[in-house]
C-alpha atoms as a PDB file:
ATOM      1  CA  UNK A   1      38.321 -50.270  -9.439  1.00  0.00           C
ATOM      2  CA  UNK A   2      36.884 -50.825  -6.000  1.00  0.00           C
ATOM      3  CA  UNK A   3      39.335 -48.365  -4.485  1.00  0.00           C
ATOM      4  CA  UNK A   4      38.521 -45.830  -7.200  1.00  0.00           C
ATOM      5  CA  UNK A   5      34.801 -46.040  -6.418  1.00  0.00           C
ATOM      6  CA  UNK A   6      35.501 -45.591  -2.707  1.00  0.00           C
ATOM      7  CA  UNK A   7      37.566 -42.483  -3.392  1.00  0.00           C
ATOM      8  CA  UNK A   8      34.873 -41.125  -5.700  1.00  0.00           C
ATOM      9  CA  UNK A   9      32.222 -41.701  -3.033  1.00  0.00           C
ATOM     10  CA  UNK A  10      34.338 -39.914  -0.436  1.00  0.00           C
ATOM     11  CA  UNK A  11      34.957 -36.983  -2.790  1.00  0.00           C
ATOM     12  CA  UNK A  12      31.213 -36.611  -3.307  1.00  0.00           C
ATOM     13  CA  UNK A  13      29.972 -37.013   0.257  1.00  0.00           C
ATOM     14  CA  UNK A  14      32.685 -35.665   2.555  1.00  0.00           C
ATOM     15  CA  UNK A  15      32.072 -31.976   1.557  1.00  0.00           C
ATOM     16  CA  UNK A  16      28.346 -32.450   2.120  1.00  0.00           C
ATOM     17  CA  UNK A  17      28.871 -34.023   5.532  1.00  0.00           C
ATOM     18  CA  UNK A  18      31.256 -31.262   6.580  1.00  0.00           C
ATOM     19  CA  UNK A  19      28.686 -28.661   5.528  1.00  0.00           C
ATOM     20  CA  UNK A  20      26.011 -30.101   7.828  1.00  0.00           C
ATOM     21  CA  UNK A  21      25.223 -28.330  11.101  1.00  0.00           C
ATOM     22  CA  UNK A  22      24.930 -30.388  14.317  1.00  0.00           C
ATOM     23  CA  UNK A  23      21.478 -31.053  15.733  1.00  0.00           C
ATOM     24  CA  UNK A  24      22.288 -29.036  18.868  1.00  0.00           C
ATOM     25  CA  UNK A  25      23.281 -25.716  17.340  1.00  0.00           C
ATOM     26  CA  UNK A  26      24.827 -22.779  19.171  1.00  0.00           C
ATOM     27  CA  UNK A  27      23.577 -19.326  18.258  1.00  0.00           C
ATOM     28  CA  UNK A  28      25.089 -15.968  19.190  1.00  0.00           C
ATOM     29  CA  UNK A  29      23.038 -13.992  21.725  1.00  0.00           C
ATOM     30  CA  UNK A  30      20.697 -11.264  20.486  1.00  0.00           C
ATOM     31  CA  UNK A  31      22.157  -7.780  20.480  1.00  0.00           C
ATOM     32  CA  UNK A  32      20.417  -5.757  23.212  1.00  0.00           C
ATOM     33  CA  UNK A  33      18.857  -2.477  22.097  1.00  0.00           C
ATOM     34  CA  UNK A  34      20.314   0.695  23.644  1.00  0.00           C
ATOM     35  CA  UNK A  35      17.999   2.473  26.121  1.00  0.00           C
ATOM     36  CA  UNK A  36      17.149   5.250  23.654  1.00  0.00           C
ATOM     37  CA  UNK A  37      16.150   2.757  20.935  1.00  0.00           C
ATOM     38  CA  UNK A  38      12.605   2.533  22.286  1.00  0.00           C
ATOM     39  CA  UNK A  39      12.157   6.259  21.696  1.00  0.00           C
ATOM     40  CA  UNK A  40      12.468   5.914  17.917  1.00  0.00           C
ATOM     41  CA  UNK A  41       9.290   7.260  16.390  1.00  0.00           C
ATOM     42  CA  UNK A  42       9.260   4.501  13.780  1.00  0.00           C
ATOM     43  CA  UNK A  43       8.950   0.983  15.179  1.00  0.00           C
ATOM     44  CA  UNK A  44      11.895  -1.204  14.188  1.00  0.00           C
ATOM     45  CA  UNK A  45      11.399  -3.678  11.342  1.00  0.00           C
ATOM     46  CA  UNK A  46      14.235  -5.907  10.123  1.00  0.00           C
ATOM     47  CA  UNK A  47      12.339  -6.339   6.850  1.00  0.00           C
ATOM     48  CA  UNK A  48      12.315  -2.584   6.259  1.00  0.00           C
ATOM     49  CA  UNK A  49      15.991  -2.417   7.250  1.00  0.00           C
ATOM     50  CA  UNK A  50      16.738  -4.705   4.303  1.00  0.00           C
ATOM     51  CA  UNK A  51      14.406  -3.015   1.811  1.00  0.00           C
ATOM     52  CA  UNK A  52      14.673   0.675   2.697  1.00  0.00           C
ATOM     53  CA  UNK A  53      17.622   1.584   0.467  1.00  0.00           C
ATOM     54  CA  UNK A  54      15.767   0.439  -2.678  1.00  0.00           C
ATOM     55  CA  UNK A  55      12.551   2.323  -1.897  1.00  0.00           C
ATOM     56  CA  UNK A  56      12.487   5.960  -3.087  1.00  0.00           C
ATOM     57  CA  UNK A  57       9.983   8.393  -1.621  1.00  0.00           C
ATOM     58  CA  UNK A  58       7.285   9.274  -4.120  1.00  0.00           C
ATOM     59  CA  UNK A  59       6.758  12.908  -5.083  1.00  0.00           C
ATOM     60  CA  UNK A  60       3.532  14.951  -5.228  1.00  0.00           C
ATOM     61  CA  UNK A  61       4.023  15.296  -8.991  1.00  0.00           C
ATOM     62  CA  UNK A  62       4.164  11.509  -9.409  1.00  0.00           C
ATOM     63  CA  UNK A  63       1.020  11.050  -7.332  1.00  0.00           C
ATOM     64  CA  UNK A  64      -0.744  13.690  -9.425  1.00  0.00           C
ATOM     65  CA  UNK A  65       0.155  11.837 -12.636  1.00  0.00           C
ATOM     66  CA  UNK A  66      -0.909   8.512 -11.128  1.00  0.00           C
ATOM     67  CA  UNK A  67      -4.303   9.953 -10.230  1.00  0.00           C
ATOM     68  CA  UNK A  68      -5.024  10.498 -13.927  1.00  0.00           C
ATOM     69  CA  UNK A  69      -4.591   6.845 -14.885  1.00  0.00           C
ATOM     70  CA  UNK A  70      -7.515   4.444 -14.933  1.00  0.00           C
ATOM     71  CA  UNK A  71      -7.601   2.071 -11.955  1.00  0.00           C
ATOM     72  CA  UNK A  72      -7.494  -1.024 -14.178  1.00  0.00           C
ATOM     73  CA  UNK A  73      -4.588   0.460 -16.134  1.00  0.00           C
ATOM     74  CA  UNK A  74      -2.554   0.796 -12.935  1.00  0.00           C
ATOM     75  CA  UNK A  75      -3.331  -2.768 -11.897  1.00  0.00           C
ATOM     76  CA  UNK A  76      -2.340  -4.029 -15.346  1.00  0.00           C
ATOM     77  CA  UNK A  77       1.211  -2.686 -14.979  1.00  0.00           C
ATOM     78  CA  UNK A  78       1.957  -4.220 -11.567  1.00  0.00           C
ATOM     79  CA  UNK A  79       3.243  -7.613 -12.714  1.00  0.00           C
ATOM     80  CA  UNK A  80       3.996  -9.798  -9.683  1.00  0.00           C
ATOM     81  CA  UNK A  81       2.339  -7.214  -7.425  1.00  0.00           C
ATOM     82  CA  UNK A  82      -1.113  -7.558  -8.986  1.00  0.00           C
ATOM     83  CA  UNK A  83      -2.094  -9.678  -5.974  1.00  0.00           C
ATOM     84  CA  UNK A  84      -1.631  -6.620  -3.726  1.00  0.00           C
ATOM     85  CA  UNK A  85      -5.280  -5.748  -4.237  1.00  0.00           C
ATOM     86  CA  UNK A  86      -8.089  -5.857  -1.694  1.00  0.00           C
ATOM     87  CA  UNK A  87     -11.809  -5.155  -1.840  1.00  0.00           C
ATOM     88  CA  UNK A  88     -14.782  -5.121   0.483  1.00  0.00           C
ATOM     89  CA  UNK A  89     -14.239  -1.603   1.869  1.00  0.00           C
ATOM     90  CA  UNK A  90     -16.896   1.107   2.132  1.00  0.00           C
ATOM     91  CA  UNK A  91     -15.804   4.608   1.191  1.00  0.00           C
ATOM     92  CA  UNK A  92     -17.131   7.878   2.542  1.00  0.00           C
ATOM     93  CA  UNK A  93     -16.861   9.709  -0.811  1.00  0.00           C
ATOM     94  CA  UNK A  94     -18.458   7.564  -3.538  1.00  0.00           C
ATOM     95  CA  UNK A  95     -16.769   8.089  -6.884  1.00  0.00           C
ATOM     96  CA  UNK A  96     -13.732   9.800  -5.374  1.00  0.00           C
ATOM     97  CA  UNK A  97     -10.256   8.303  -5.617  1.00  0.00           C
ATOM     98  CA  UNK A  98      -7.583   8.277  -2.921  1.00  0.00           C
ATOM     99  CA  UNK A  99      -3.927   8.313  -4.027  1.00  0.00           C
ATOM    100  CA  UNK A 100      -0.979   8.700  -1.677  1.00  0.00           C
ATOM    101  CA  UNK A 101       1.910   7.208   0.275  1.00  0.00           C
ATOM    102  CA  UNK A 102       1.257   4.585   2.988  1.00  0.00           C
ATOM    103  CA  UNK A 103       1.818   5.472   6.641  1.00  0.00           C
ATOM    104  CA  UNK A 104       1.086   2.159   8.352  1.00  0.00           C
ATOM    105  CA  UNK A 105      -0.315   1.488  11.843  1.00  0.00           C
ATOM    106  CA  UNK A 106      -0.670  -1.926  13.478  1.00  0.00           C
ATOM    107  CA  UNK A 107      -3.130  -2.569  16.313  1.00  0.00           C
ATOM    108  CA  UNK A 108      -3.487  -5.430  18.795  1.00  0.00           C
ATOM    109  CA  UNK A 109      -6.476  -6.565  20.846  1.00  0.00           C
ATOM    110  CA  UNK A 110      -6.314  -5.023  24.299  1.00  0.00           C
ATOM    111  CA  UNK A 111      -4.839  -6.706  27.381  1.00  0.00           C
ATOM    112  CA  UNK A 112      -3.625  -4.987  30.567  1.00  0.00           C
ATOM    113  CA  UNK A 113       0.102  -5.760  30.414  1.00  0.00           C
ATOM    114  CA  UNK A 114       0.415  -4.744  26.761  1.00  0.00           C
ATOM    115  CA  UNK A 115      -1.505  -1.548  27.529  1.00  0.00           C
ATOM    116  CA  UNK A 116       0.937  -0.682  30.331  1.00  0.00           C
ATOM    117  CA  UNK A 117       3.920  -1.332  28.067  1.00  0.00           C
ATOM    118  CA  UNK A 118       2.541   0.810  25.236  1.00  0.00           C
ATOM    119  CA  UNK A 119       1.754   3.648  27.641  1.00  0.00           C
ATOM    120  CA  UNK A 120       5.361   3.475  28.892  1.00  0.00           C
ATOM    121  CA  UNK A 121       6.697   3.627  25.330  1.00  0.00           C
ATOM    122  CA  UNK A 122       4.437   6.565  24.508  1.00  0.00           C
ATOM    123  CA  UNK A 123       5.684   8.466  27.554  1.00  0.00           C
ATOM    124  CA  UNK A 124       9.337   7.734  26.751  1.00  0.00           C
ATOM    125  CA  UNK A 125       8.951   8.722  23.089  1.00  0.00           C
ATOM    126  CA  UNK A 126       6.603  11.665  23.731  1.00  0.00           C
ATOM    127  CA  UNK A 127       3.776  10.556  21.473  1.00  0.00           C
ATOM    128  CA  UNK A 128       0.088   9.949  22.259  1.00  0.00           C
ATOM    129  CA  UNK A 129      -0.698   6.401  23.338  1.00  0.00           C
ATOM    130  CA  UNK A 130      -3.845   6.527  21.184  1.00  0.00           C
ATOM    131  CA  UNK A 131      -2.725   6.108  17.584  1.00  0.00           C
ATOM    132  CA  UNK A 132      -5.717   8.075  16.276  1.00  0.00           C
ATOM    133  CA  UNK A 133      -4.300  11.085  18.139  1.00  0.00           C
ATOM    134  CA  UNK A 134      -0.746  10.323  17.092  1.00  0.00           C
ATOM    135  CA  UNK A 135      -1.838  10.209  13.448  1.00  0.00           C
ATOM    136  CA  UNK A 136      -3.419  13.638  13.883  1.00  0.00           C
ATOM    137  CA  UNK A 137      -0.012  14.929  15.042  1.00  0.00           C
ATOM    138  CA  UNK A 138       2.510  12.952  12.965  1.00  0.00           C
ATOM    139  CA  UNK A 139       0.897  12.615   9.516  1.00  0.00           C
ATOM    140  CA  UNK A 140       2.699  14.363   6.672  1.00  0.00           C
ATOM    141  CA  UNK A 141       1.402  15.828   3.396  1.00  0.00           C
ATOM    142  CA  UNK A 142       0.744  13.007   0.933  1.00  0.00           C
ATOM    143  CA  UNK A 143       0.263  10.317   3.587  1.00  0.00           C
ATOM    144  CA  UNK A 144      -2.532   7.774   3.527  1.00  0.00           C
ATOM    145  CA  UNK A 145      -3.064   6.242   6.972  1.00  0.00           C
ATOM    146  CA  UNK A 146      -3.222   2.456   6.446  1.00  0.00           C
ATOM    147  CA  UNK A 147      -4.516   0.788   9.601  1.00  0.00           C
ATOM    148  CA  UNK A 148      -4.269  -2.931  10.407  1.00  0.00           C
ATOM    149  CA  UNK A 149      -7.116  -3.280  12.906  1.00  0.00           C
ATOM    150  CA  UNK A 150      -8.566  -6.779  12.782  1.00  0.00           C
ATOM    151  CA  UNK A 151     -10.774  -6.565   9.700  1.00  0.00           C
ATOM    152  CA  UNK A 152     -14.455  -7.306  10.186  1.00  0.00           C
ATOM    153  CA  UNK A 153     -13.783  -8.596  13.703  1.00  0.00           C
ATOM    154  CA  UNK A 154     -11.739  -5.557  14.673  1.00  0.00           C
ATOM    155  CA  UNK A 155     -12.359  -2.267  16.405  1.00  0.00           C
ATOM    156  CA  UNK A 156     -12.710   1.470  15.744  1.00  0.00           C
ATOM    157  CA  UNK A 157      -9.710   3.572  14.727  1.00  0.00           C
ATOM    158  CA  UNK A 158     -11.058   7.136  14.710  1.00  0.00           C
ATOM    159  CA  UNK A 159     -13.927   9.584  14.597  1.00  0.00           C
ATOM    160  CA  UNK A 160     -14.416  12.816  12.716  1.00  0.00           C
ATOM    161  CA  UNK A 161     -12.363  15.035  15.081  1.00  0.00           C
ATOM    162  CA  UNK A 162      -9.267  12.812  14.755  1.00  0.00           C
ATOM    163  CA  UNK A 163      -9.855  12.660  11.002  1.00  0.00           C
ATOM    164  CA  UNK A 164      -9.965  16.459  10.899  1.00  0.00           C
ATOM    165  CA  UNK A 165      -6.585  16.607  12.640  1.00  0.00           C
ATOM    166  CA  UNK A 166      -5.109  14.199  10.075  1.00  0.00           C
ATOM    167  CA  UNK A 167      -6.587  16.162   7.192  1.00  0.00           C
ATOM    168  CA  UNK A 168      -5.181  19.450   8.476  1.00  0.00           C
ATOM    169  CA  UNK A 169      -1.732  17.847   8.772  1.00  0.00           C
ATOM    170  CA  UNK A 170      -1.893  17.146   5.027  1.00  0.00           C
ATOM    171  CA  UNK A 171      -2.899  13.470   4.999  1.00  0.00           C
ATOM    172  CA  UNK A 172      -4.909  12.537   1.917  1.00  0.00           C
ATOM    173  CA  UNK A 173      -7.198   9.959   3.500  1.00  0.00           C
ATOM    174  CA  UNK A 174      -7.430   6.750   5.500  1.00  0.00           C
ATOM    175  CA  UNK A 175      -7.715   3.005   4.797  1.00  0.00           C
ATOM    176  CA  UNK A 176      -8.899   1.012   7.829  1.00  0.00           C
ATOM    177  CA  UNK A 177      -9.023  -2.782   7.923  1.00  0.00           C
ATOM    178  CA  UNK A 178     -11.379  -2.349  10.832  1.00  0.00           C
ATOM    179  CA  UNK A 179     -13.860   0.387  11.677  1.00  0.00           C
ATOM    180  CA  UNK A 180     -14.391   4.103  11.885  1.00  0.00           C
ATOM    181  CA  UNK A 181     -17.150   5.994  13.620  1.00  0.00           C
ATOM    182  CA  UNK A 182     -18.980   9.220  12.644  1.00  0.00           C
ATOM    183  CA  UNK A 183     -19.896   8.132   9.119  1.00  0.00           C
ATOM    184  CA  UNK A 184     -22.367  10.978   8.605  1.00  0.00           C
ATOM    185  CA  UNK A 185     -19.779  13.595   9.554  1.00  0.00           C
ATOM    186  CA  UNK A 186     -17.093  12.011   7.368  1.00  0.00           C
ATOM    187  CA  UNK A 187     -19.489  12.266   4.430  1.00  0.00           C
ATOM    188  CA  UNK A 188     -20.003  15.969   5.117  1.00  0.00           C
ATOM    189  CA  UNK A 189     -18.604  18.970   3.270  1.00  0.00           C
ATOM    190  CA  UNK A 190     -15.672  19.344   5.683  1.00  0.00           C
ATOM    191  CA  UNK A 191     -14.208  16.067   4.377  1.00  0.00           C
ATOM    192  CA  UNK A 192     -14.973  16.428   0.659  1.00  0.00           C
ATOM    193  CA  UNK A 193     -11.301  15.868  -0.273  1.00  0.00           C
ATOM    194  CA  UNK A 194     -10.509  13.335   2.446  1.00  0.00           C
ATOM    195  CA  UNK A 195     -11.837   9.859   1.560  1.00  0.00           C
ATOM    196  CA  UNK A 196     -12.016   7.183   4.228  1.00  0.00           C
ATOM    197  CA  UNK A 197     -12.252   3.497   3.298  1.00  0.00           C
ATOM    198  CA  UNK A 198     -13.219   1.149   6.162  1.00  0.00           C
ATOM    199  CA  UNK A 199     -14.444  -2.421   6.524  1.00  0.00           C
ATOM    200  CA  UNK A 200     -17.371  -1.155   8.595  1.00  0.00           C
ATOM    201  CA  UNK A 201     -18.613   1.765  10.690  1.00  0.00           C
ATOM    202  CA  UNK A 202     -19.570   1.557  14.347  1.00  0.00           C
ATOM    203  CA  UNK A 203     -20.868   3.848  17.074  1.00  0.00           C
ATOM    204  CA  UNK A 204     -18.320   2.753  19.712  1.00  0.00           C
ATOM    205  CA  UNK A 205     -14.906   4.211  20.478  1.00  0.00           C
ATOM    206  CA  UNK A 206     -11.469   2.628  20.125  1.00  0.00           C
ATOM    207  CA  UNK A 207     -10.925  -0.619  22.058  1.00  0.00           C
ATOM    208  CA  UNK A 208      -7.775  -2.114  20.526  1.00  0.00           C
ATOM    209  CA  UNK A 209      -4.251  -0.801  21.166  1.00  0.00           C
ATOM    210  CA  UNK A 210      -1.944   0.937  18.706  1.00  0.00           C
ATOM    211  CA  UNK A 211       1.183  -1.236  18.934  1.00  0.00           C
ATOM    212  CA  UNK A 212       3.540  -0.512  16.013  1.00  0.00           C
ATOM    213  CA  UNK A 213       4.105   2.574  13.877  1.00  0.00           C
ATOM    214  CA  UNK A 214       5.095   2.471  10.199  1.00  0.00           C
ATOM    215  CA  UNK A 215       5.928  -1.232   9.928  1.00  0.00           C
ATOM    216  CA  UNK A 216       4.745  -3.955   7.519  1.00  0.00           C
ATOM    217  CA  UNK A 217       1.040  -4.611   8.101  1.00  0.00           C
ATOM    218  CA  UNK A 218      -1.638  -6.939   6.802  1.00  0.00           C
ATOM    219  CA  UNK A 219      -4.668  -5.444   5.069  1.00  0.00           C
ATOM    220  CA  UNK A 220      -7.085  -8.195   4.132  1.00  0.00           C
ATOM    221  CA  UNK A 221      -5.058 -10.738   2.186  1.00  0.00           C
ATOM    222  CA  UNK A 222      -2.195  -8.439   1.214  1.00  0.00           C
ATOM    223  CA  UNK A 223       0.916  -7.043   2.887  1.00  0.00           C
ATOM    224  CA  UNK A 224       1.444  -3.278   2.940  1.00  0.00           C
ATOM    225  CA  UNK A 225       4.835  -1.713   3.636  1.00  0.00           C
ATOM    226  CA  UNK A 226       5.552   1.813   4.846  1.00  0.00           C
ATOM    227  CA  UNK A 227       5.947   4.126   1.872  1.00  0.00           C
ATOM    228  CA  UNK A 228       3.958   1.913  -0.514  1.00  0.00           C
ATOM    229  CA  UNK A 229       1.890   3.690  -3.149  1.00  0.00           C
ATOM    230  CA  UNK A 230      -1.831   3.505  -2.307  1.00  0.00           C
ATOM    231  CA  UNK A 231      -4.656   3.816  -4.842  1.00  0.00           C
ATOM    232  CA  UNK A 232      -8.170   3.368  -3.416  1.00  0.00           C
ATOM    233  CA  UNK A 233     -11.458   3.521  -5.314  1.00  0.00           C
ATOM    234  CA  UNK A 234     -14.958   2.128  -4.938  1.00  0.00           C
ATOM    235  CA  UNK A 235     -13.739  -0.984  -6.815  1.00  0.00           C
ATOM    236  CA  UNK A 236     -10.930  -1.823  -4.412  1.00  0.00           C
ATOM    237  CA  UNK A 237      -7.509  -0.776  -3.162  1.00  0.00           C
ATOM    238  CA  UNK A 238      -4.047  -1.286  -4.665  1.00  0.00           C
ATOM    239  CA  UNK A 239      -0.723  -1.173  -2.820  1.00  0.00           C
ATOM    240  CA  UNK A 240       2.638  -1.393  -4.577  1.00  0.00           C
ATOM    241  CA  UNK A 241       6.322  -0.535  -3.996  1.00  0.00           C
ATOM    242  CA  UNK A 242       7.408   3.033  -4.827  1.00  0.00           C
ATOM    243  CA  UNK A 243      10.243   1.783  -7.029  1.00  0.00           C
ATOM    244  CA  UNK A 244       7.585   0.570  -9.519  1.00  0.00           C
ATOM    245  CA  UNK A 245       5.880   3.935  -9.817  1.00  0.00           C
ATOM    246  CA  UNK A 246       7.803   5.404 -12.763  1.00  0.00           C
ATOM    247  CA  UNK A 247       7.331   2.184 -14.752  1.00  0.00           C
ATOM    248  CA  UNK A 248       3.608   2.203 -13.951  1.00  0.00           C
ATOM    249  CA  UNK A 249       3.323   5.814 -15.108  1.00  0.00           C
ATOM    250  CA  UNK A 250       5.202   5.222 -18.363  1.00  0.00           C
ATOM    251  CA  UNK A 251       3.596   1.928 -19.366  1.00  0.00           C
ATOM    252  CA  UNK A 252       0.207   3.059 -18.111  1.00  0.00           C
ATOM    253  CA  UNK A 253       0.269   6.162 -20.293  1.00  0.00           C
ATOM    254  CA  UNK A 254       1.246   4.064 -23.317  1.00  0.00           C
ATOM    255  CA  UNK A 255      -1.581   1.627 -22.573  1.00  0.00           C
ATOM    256  CA  UNK A 256      -4.180   4.378 -22.288  1.00  0.00           C
ATOM    257  CA  UNK A 257      -2.951   5.988 -25.501  1.00  0.00           C
ATOM    258  CA  UNK A 258      -3.626   2.693 -27.272  1.00  0.00           C
ATOM    259  CA  UNK A 259      -7.078   2.388 -25.694  1.00  0.00           C
ATOM    260  CA  UNK A 260      -7.969   5.941 -26.770  1.00  0.00           C
ATOM    261  CA  UNK A 261      -7.015   4.979 -30.316  1.00  0.00           C
ATOM    262  CA  UNK A 262      -9.160   1.852 -30.142  1.00  0.00           C
ATOM    263  CA  UNK A 263     -12.161   3.866 -28.936  1.00  0.00           C
ATOM    264  CA  UNK A 264     -11.727   6.293 -31.788  1.00  0.00           C
ATOM    265  CA  UNK A 265     -11.664   3.433 -34.299  1.00  0.00           C
ATOM    266  CA  UNK A 266     -14.848   1.962 -32.814  1.00  0.00           C
ATOM    267  CA  UNK A 267     -16.607   5.343 -33.063  1.00  0.00           C
ATOM    268  CA  UNK A 268     -15.621   5.699 -36.719  1.00  0.00           C
ATOM    269  CA  UNK A 269     -17.540   2.498 -37.585  1.00  0.00           C
ATOM    270  CA  UNK A 270     -15.227   1.819 -40.547  1.00  0.00           C
ATOM    271  CA  UNK A 271     -13.720  -1.478 -39.384  1.00  0.00           C
ATOM    272  CA  UNK A 272     -14.894  -4.744 -37.915  1.00  0.00           C
ATOM    273  CA  UNK A 273     -14.655  -4.822 -34.122  1.00  0.00           C
ATOM    274  CA  UNK A 274     -12.313  -7.818 -34.250  1.00  0.00           C
ATOM    275  CA  UNK A 275      -9.869  -5.708 -36.312  1.00  0.00           C
ATOM    276  CA  UNK A 276     -10.083  -2.810 -33.887  1.00  0.00           C
ATOM    277  CA  UNK A 277      -9.822  -4.502 -30.493  1.00  0.00           C
ATOM    278  CA  UNK A 278      -6.966  -5.265 -30.577  1.00  0.00           C
ATOM    279  CA  UNK A 279      -5.927  -3.296 -33.667  1.00  0.00           C
ATOM    280  CA  UNK A 280      -4.864  -5.222 -36.750  1.00  0.00           C
ATOM    281  CA  UNK A 281      -1.277  -4.734 -38.015  1.00  0.00           C
ATOM    282  CA  UNK A 282      -2.588  -2.293 -40.636  1.00  0.00           C
ATOM    283  CA  UNK A 283      -4.385  -0.177 -38.027  1.00  0.00           C
ATOM    284  CA  UNK A 284      -1.363  -0.271 -35.737  1.00  0.00           C
ATOM    285  CA  UNK A 285       0.662   1.349 -38.526  1.00  0.00           C
ATOM    286  CA  UNK A 286      -1.913   4.130 -38.720  1.00  0.00           C
ATOM    287  CA  UNK A 287      -1.698   4.865 -34.991  1.00  0.00           C
ATOM    288  CA  UNK A 288       1.338   7.123 -35.351  1.00  0.00           C
ATOM    289  CA  UNK A 289      -0.577   9.299 -37.813  1.00  0.00           C
ATOM    290  CA  UNK A 290      -3.547   9.367 -35.430  1.00  0.00           C
ATOM    291  CA  UNK A 291      -1.314  10.417 -32.525  1.00  0.00           C
ATOM    292  CA  UNK A 292       0.176  13.289 -34.509  1.00  0.00           C
ATOM    293  CA  UNK A 293      -3.272  14.749 -35.222  1.00  0.00           C
ATOM    294  CA  UNK A 294      -4.863  14.053 -31.828  1.00  0.00           C
ATOM    295  CA  UNK A 295      -5.056  16.916 -29.295  1.00  0.00           C
ATOM    296  CA  UNK A 296      -4.151  16.077 -25.650  1.00  0.00           C
ATOM    297  CA  UNK A 297      -6.959  14.115 -24.027  1.00  0.00           C
ATOM    298  CA  UNK A 298      -7.920  14.810 -20.371  1.00  0.00           C
ATOM    299  CA  UNK A 299      -8.420  11.716 -18.257  1.00  0.00           C
ATOM    300  CA  UNK A 300     -11.180  11.211 -15.704  1.00  0.00           C
ATOM    301  CA  UNK A 301      -9.257  10.802 -12.416  1.00  0.00           C
ATOM    302  CA  UNK A 302     -12.280   9.217 -10.739  1.00  0.00           C
ATOM    303  CA  UNK A 303     -11.812   6.041 -12.819  1.00  0.00           C
END
């Protein structure tokens, strides 16, 4: 019996002991980047390397459909991504919604050696060292510039001339976890379809350094990835992965169809409110008949 227990103990523990790594581990050396690697226009991110294959690029038609859903409806379909919501931003176009695809920019507080390095990279890659200027050159139609710039303790990203360059490149607007300048101009007629959402506005120019282009960034308490769907309103800003978009559109439309039915029942004043919101089983059965008779209902995209 004693021998049996010893053998059993060895069978249990020997595999575990063999699986342990020594305290002093040996790691393979990092793979050096080729000289031309630094000229890539998108900064390298191992996280995005892993995720990229599962992230489709959203289409203008999808963004148009998304813009017709109520903000709360979109949030309600996000599941585990409902936490990807931030608030505390001031918009330049009250009541106007911004919907697009995230082009992310990460800034760092200035210091001389980092400034020299970033100027070298800009020269090698042939892009402007100032990311406000680069955004005015590199933005694509449908982009929303999402700028990680220190929040309330950060610096200025752009003024109205840079914003005009971004707008003319087809960008839909800007989200800045930091500051912009030229608030009066950005509220003018020239920017009526180009909302800017910033933590604050300031008279100074840019002081921080654009360090990484189209990489994961932090906006408030949420992480934003390149290519994320962005929905910004006066209430707050949502970011979510593009692979969720079709599900959000489908389930969101179904949800709003139900809410339209509930509103109609309330207006009819035939049933108790508790039987209408949510609908009782009897009223749910009548919904199909209601849908067949109901003409298409336009949605207010500012919601």
